[in-house]
């Protein structure tokens, strides 16, 4: 998935996501690794991005499970 100016407001960085959720980067990384939060990488790079829609949908699922 390629990021460009037209969709940059659709994605969050790991730091933005962790700050929004009030969790550490290592906790976010665990959530990504266990599949609780879906993340995307840029081909050939190490940067990780989270789609806002995917994040909000995962939060709804967490809330419904409680």
N, C-alpha and C. Protein backbone atom coordinates (compact mmCIF):
# COMPACT_ATOMS: atom_id res chain seq x y z
N UNK A 1 0.84 -1.16 0.00
CA UNK A 1 0.00 0.00 0.00
C UNK A 1 0.89 1.23 0.00
N UNK A 2 0.70 2.13 -0.91
CA UNK A 2 1.51 3.32 -1.04
C UNK A 2 0.76 4.50 -0.42
N UNK A 3 1.48 5.27 0.38
CA UNK A 3 0.89 6.45 0.99
C UNK A 3 1.19 7.66 0.14
N UNK A 4 0.20 8.48 -0.06
CA UNK A 4 0.40 9.74 -0.76
C UNK A 4 -0.40 10.83 -0.05
N UNK A 5 -0.34 12.05 -0.54
CA UNK A 5 -1.01 13.16 0.13
C UNK A 5 -2.51 12.99 0.21
N UNK A 6 -3.11 12.29 -0.74
CA UNK A 6 -4.57 12.16 -0.73
C UNK A 6 -5.07 11.25 0.37
N UNK A 7 -4.22 10.34 0.89
CA UNK A 7 -4.70 9.44 1.93
C UNK A 7 -3.90 9.55 3.23
N UNK A 8 -3.10 10.60 3.40
CA UNK A 8 -2.29 10.70 4.60
C UNK A 8 -3.12 10.92 5.85
N UNK A 9 -4.33 11.48 5.73
CA UNK A 9 -5.20 11.68 6.88
C UNK A 9 -5.94 10.41 7.25
N UNK A 10 -5.82 9.37 6.44
CA UNK A 10 -6.49 8.10 6.69
C UNK A 10 -5.63 7.22 7.59
N UNK A 11 -4.33 7.46 7.63
CA UNK A 11 -3.39 6.61 8.36
C UNK A 11 -2.80 7.33 9.56
N UNK A 12 -2.46 6.54 10.58
CA UNK A 12 -1.77 7.04 11.77
C UNK A 12 -0.43 6.33 11.87
N UNK A 13 0.55 7.01 12.43
CA UNK A 13 1.83 6.35 12.73
C UNK A 13 1.66 5.55 14.02
N UNK A 14 2.64 4.74 14.34
CA UNK A 14 2.61 3.99 15.60
C UNK A 14 2.55 4.94 16.78
N UNK A 15 3.34 6.01 16.72
CA UNK A 15 3.37 6.97 17.82
C UNK A 15 2.01 7.65 17.99
N UNK A 16 1.43 8.11 16.89
CA UNK A 16 0.11 8.74 16.96
C UNK A 16 -0.93 7.79 17.53
N UNK A 17 -0.87 6.54 17.11
CA UNK A 17 -1.83 5.54 17.58
C UNK A 17 -1.65 5.27 19.06
N UNK A 18 -0.40 5.10 19.50
CA UNK A 18 -0.16 4.82 20.92
C UNK A 18 -0.60 5.99 21.80
N UNK A 19 -0.35 7.21 21.33
CA UNK A 19 -0.78 8.38 22.09
C UNK A 19 -2.30 8.48 22.14
N UNK A 20 -2.95 8.19 21.02
CA UNK A 20 -4.40 8.24 20.97
C UNK A 20 -5.03 7.23 21.93
N UNK A 21 -4.44 6.04 21.99
CA UNK A 21 -4.98 4.99 22.85
C UNK A 21 -4.49 5.07 24.29
N UNK A 22 -3.44 5.87 24.53
CA UNK A 22 -2.88 5.99 25.87
C UNK A 22 -2.11 4.74 26.29
N UNK A 23 -1.45 4.11 25.32
CA UNK A 23 -0.66 2.91 25.60
C UNK A 23 0.77 3.13 25.10
N UNK A 24 1.69 2.30 25.58
CA UNK A 24 3.08 2.41 25.15
C UNK A 24 3.24 1.82 23.75
N UNK A 25 4.36 2.16 23.12
CA UNK A 25 4.66 1.60 21.81
C UNK A 25 4.82 0.09 21.87
N UNK A 26 5.41 -0.41 22.96
CA UNK A 26 5.58 -1.86 23.06
C UNK A 26 4.23 -2.57 23.20
N UNK A 27 3.29 -1.96 23.92
CA UNK A 27 1.95 -2.54 24.02
C UNK A 27 1.27 -2.52 22.65
N UNK A 28 1.41 -1.41 21.93
CA UNK A 28 0.84 -1.33 20.58
C UNK A 28 1.46 -2.40 19.69
N UNK A 29 2.77 -2.57 19.77
CA UNK A 29 3.44 -3.60 18.95
C UNK A 29 2.89 -4.99 19.26
N UNK A 30 2.62 -5.27 20.54
CA UNK A 30 2.03 -6.57 20.90
C UNK A 30 0.64 -6.72 20.31
N UNK A 31 -0.15 -5.64 20.34
CA UNK A 31 -1.50 -5.68 19.78
C UNK A 31 -1.45 -5.91 18.26
N UNK A 32 -0.47 -5.32 17.61
CA UNK A 32 -0.30 -5.53 16.17
C UNK A 32 0.13 -6.97 15.91
N UNK A 33 1.08 -7.45 16.70
CA UNK A 33 1.59 -8.81 16.50
C UNK A 33 0.52 -9.87 16.73
N UNK A 34 -0.34 -9.67 17.74
CA UNK A 34 -1.38 -10.67 18.02
C UNK A 34 -2.62 -10.50 17.14
N UNK A 35 -2.62 -9.49 16.27
CA UNK A 35 -3.71 -9.31 15.33
C UNK A 35 -4.88 -8.49 15.85
N UNK A 36 -4.76 -7.96 17.07
CA UNK A 36 -5.84 -7.14 17.62
C UNK A 36 -6.00 -5.83 16.86
N UNK A 37 -4.88 -5.31 16.37
CA UNK A 37 -4.87 -4.08 15.57
C UNK A 37 -4.14 -4.38 14.27
N UNK A 38 -4.79 -4.08 13.16
CA UNK A 38 -4.20 -4.33 11.84
C UNK A 38 -3.29 -3.17 11.47
N UNK A 39 -2.11 -3.50 10.96
CA UNK A 39 -1.14 -2.48 10.57
C UNK A 39 -0.62 -2.76 9.16
N UNK A 40 -0.12 -1.71 8.54
CA UNK A 40 0.39 -1.78 7.17
C UNK A 40 1.82 -1.27 7.14
N UNK A 41 2.63 -1.85 6.27
CA UNK A 41 3.99 -1.36 6.08
C UNK A 41 4.16 -0.91 4.63
N UNK A 42 5.09 -0.01 4.45
CA UNK A 42 5.42 0.45 3.10
C UNK A 42 6.39 -0.56 2.50
N UNK A 43 6.14 -1.02 1.27
CA UNK A 43 7.05 -1.99 0.65
C UNK A 43 8.48 -1.46 0.65
N UNK A 44 9.40 -2.30 1.11
CA UNK A 44 10.80 -1.94 1.13
C UNK A 44 11.20 -1.08 2.32
N UNK A 45 10.26 -0.79 3.18
CA UNK A 45 10.56 0.06 4.33
C UNK A 45 10.16 -0.59 5.63
N UNK A 46 10.49 0.09 6.71
CA UNK A 46 10.17 -0.45 8.03
C UNK A 46 9.06 0.33 8.72
N UNK A 47 8.59 1.41 8.10
CA UNK A 47 7.56 2.23 8.74
C UNK A 47 6.25 1.48 8.79
N UNK A 48 5.57 1.63 9.90
CA UNK A 48 4.30 0.95 10.12
C UNK A 48 3.20 2.00 10.27
N UNK A 49 2.09 1.77 9.62
CA UNK A 49 0.95 2.67 9.69
C UNK A 49 -0.31 1.91 10.05
N UNK A 50 -1.22 2.59 10.71
CA UNK A 50 -2.49 1.99 11.10
C UNK A 50 -3.60 2.83 10.47
N UNK A 51 -4.52 2.16 9.78
CA UNK A 51 -5.66 2.87 9.20
C UNK A 51 -6.61 3.27 10.32
N UNK A 52 -7.07 4.50 10.29
CA UNK A 52 -8.00 4.97 11.32
C UNK A 52 -9.25 4.10 11.38
N UNK A 53 -9.79 3.74 10.23
CA UNK A 53 -11.01 2.91 10.19
C UNK A 53 -10.77 1.56 10.85
N UNK A 54 -9.63 0.94 10.57
CA UNK A 54 -9.31 -0.35 11.19
C UNK A 54 -9.17 -0.21 12.70
N UNK A 55 -8.53 0.88 13.14
CA UNK A 55 -8.35 1.11 14.57
C UNK A 55 -9.70 1.28 15.26
N UNK A 56 -10.57 2.11 14.70
CA UNK A 56 -11.87 2.34 15.32
C UNK A 56 -12.73 1.08 15.30
N UNK A 57 -12.64 0.30 14.23
CA UNK A 57 -13.39 -0.95 14.18
C UNK A 57 -12.89 -1.94 15.23
N UNK A 58 -11.58 -1.98 15.45
CA UNK A 58 -11.05 -2.88 16.47
C UNK A 58 -11.48 -2.43 17.86
N UNK A 59 -11.59 -1.12 18.08
CA UNK A 59 -12.05 -0.62 19.38
C UNK A 59 -13.51 -0.98 19.61
N UNK A 60 -14.32 -0.93 18.57
CA UNK A 60 -15.73 -1.32 18.70
C UNK A 60 -15.82 -2.79 19.07
N UNK A 61 -14.98 -3.62 18.45
CA UNK A 61 -14.98 -5.05 18.76
C UNK A 61 -14.55 -5.29 20.21
N UNK A 62 -13.54 -4.55 20.69
CA UNK A 62 -13.11 -4.70 22.09
C UNK A 62 -14.24 -4.31 23.03
N UNK A 63 -14.94 -3.25 22.70
CA UNK A 63 -16.03 -2.76 23.56
C UNK A 63 -17.18 -3.74 23.58
N UNK A 64 -17.50 -4.34 22.43
CA UNK A 64 -18.60 -5.30 22.36
C UNK A 64 -18.28 -6.56 23.14
N UNK A 65 -17.01 -6.93 23.23
CA UNK A 65 -16.61 -8.14 23.93
C UNK A 65 -16.65 -7.98 25.44
N UNK A 66 -16.63 -6.75 25.91
CA UNK A 66 -16.62 -6.50 27.36
C UNK A 66 -17.97 -6.74 28.01
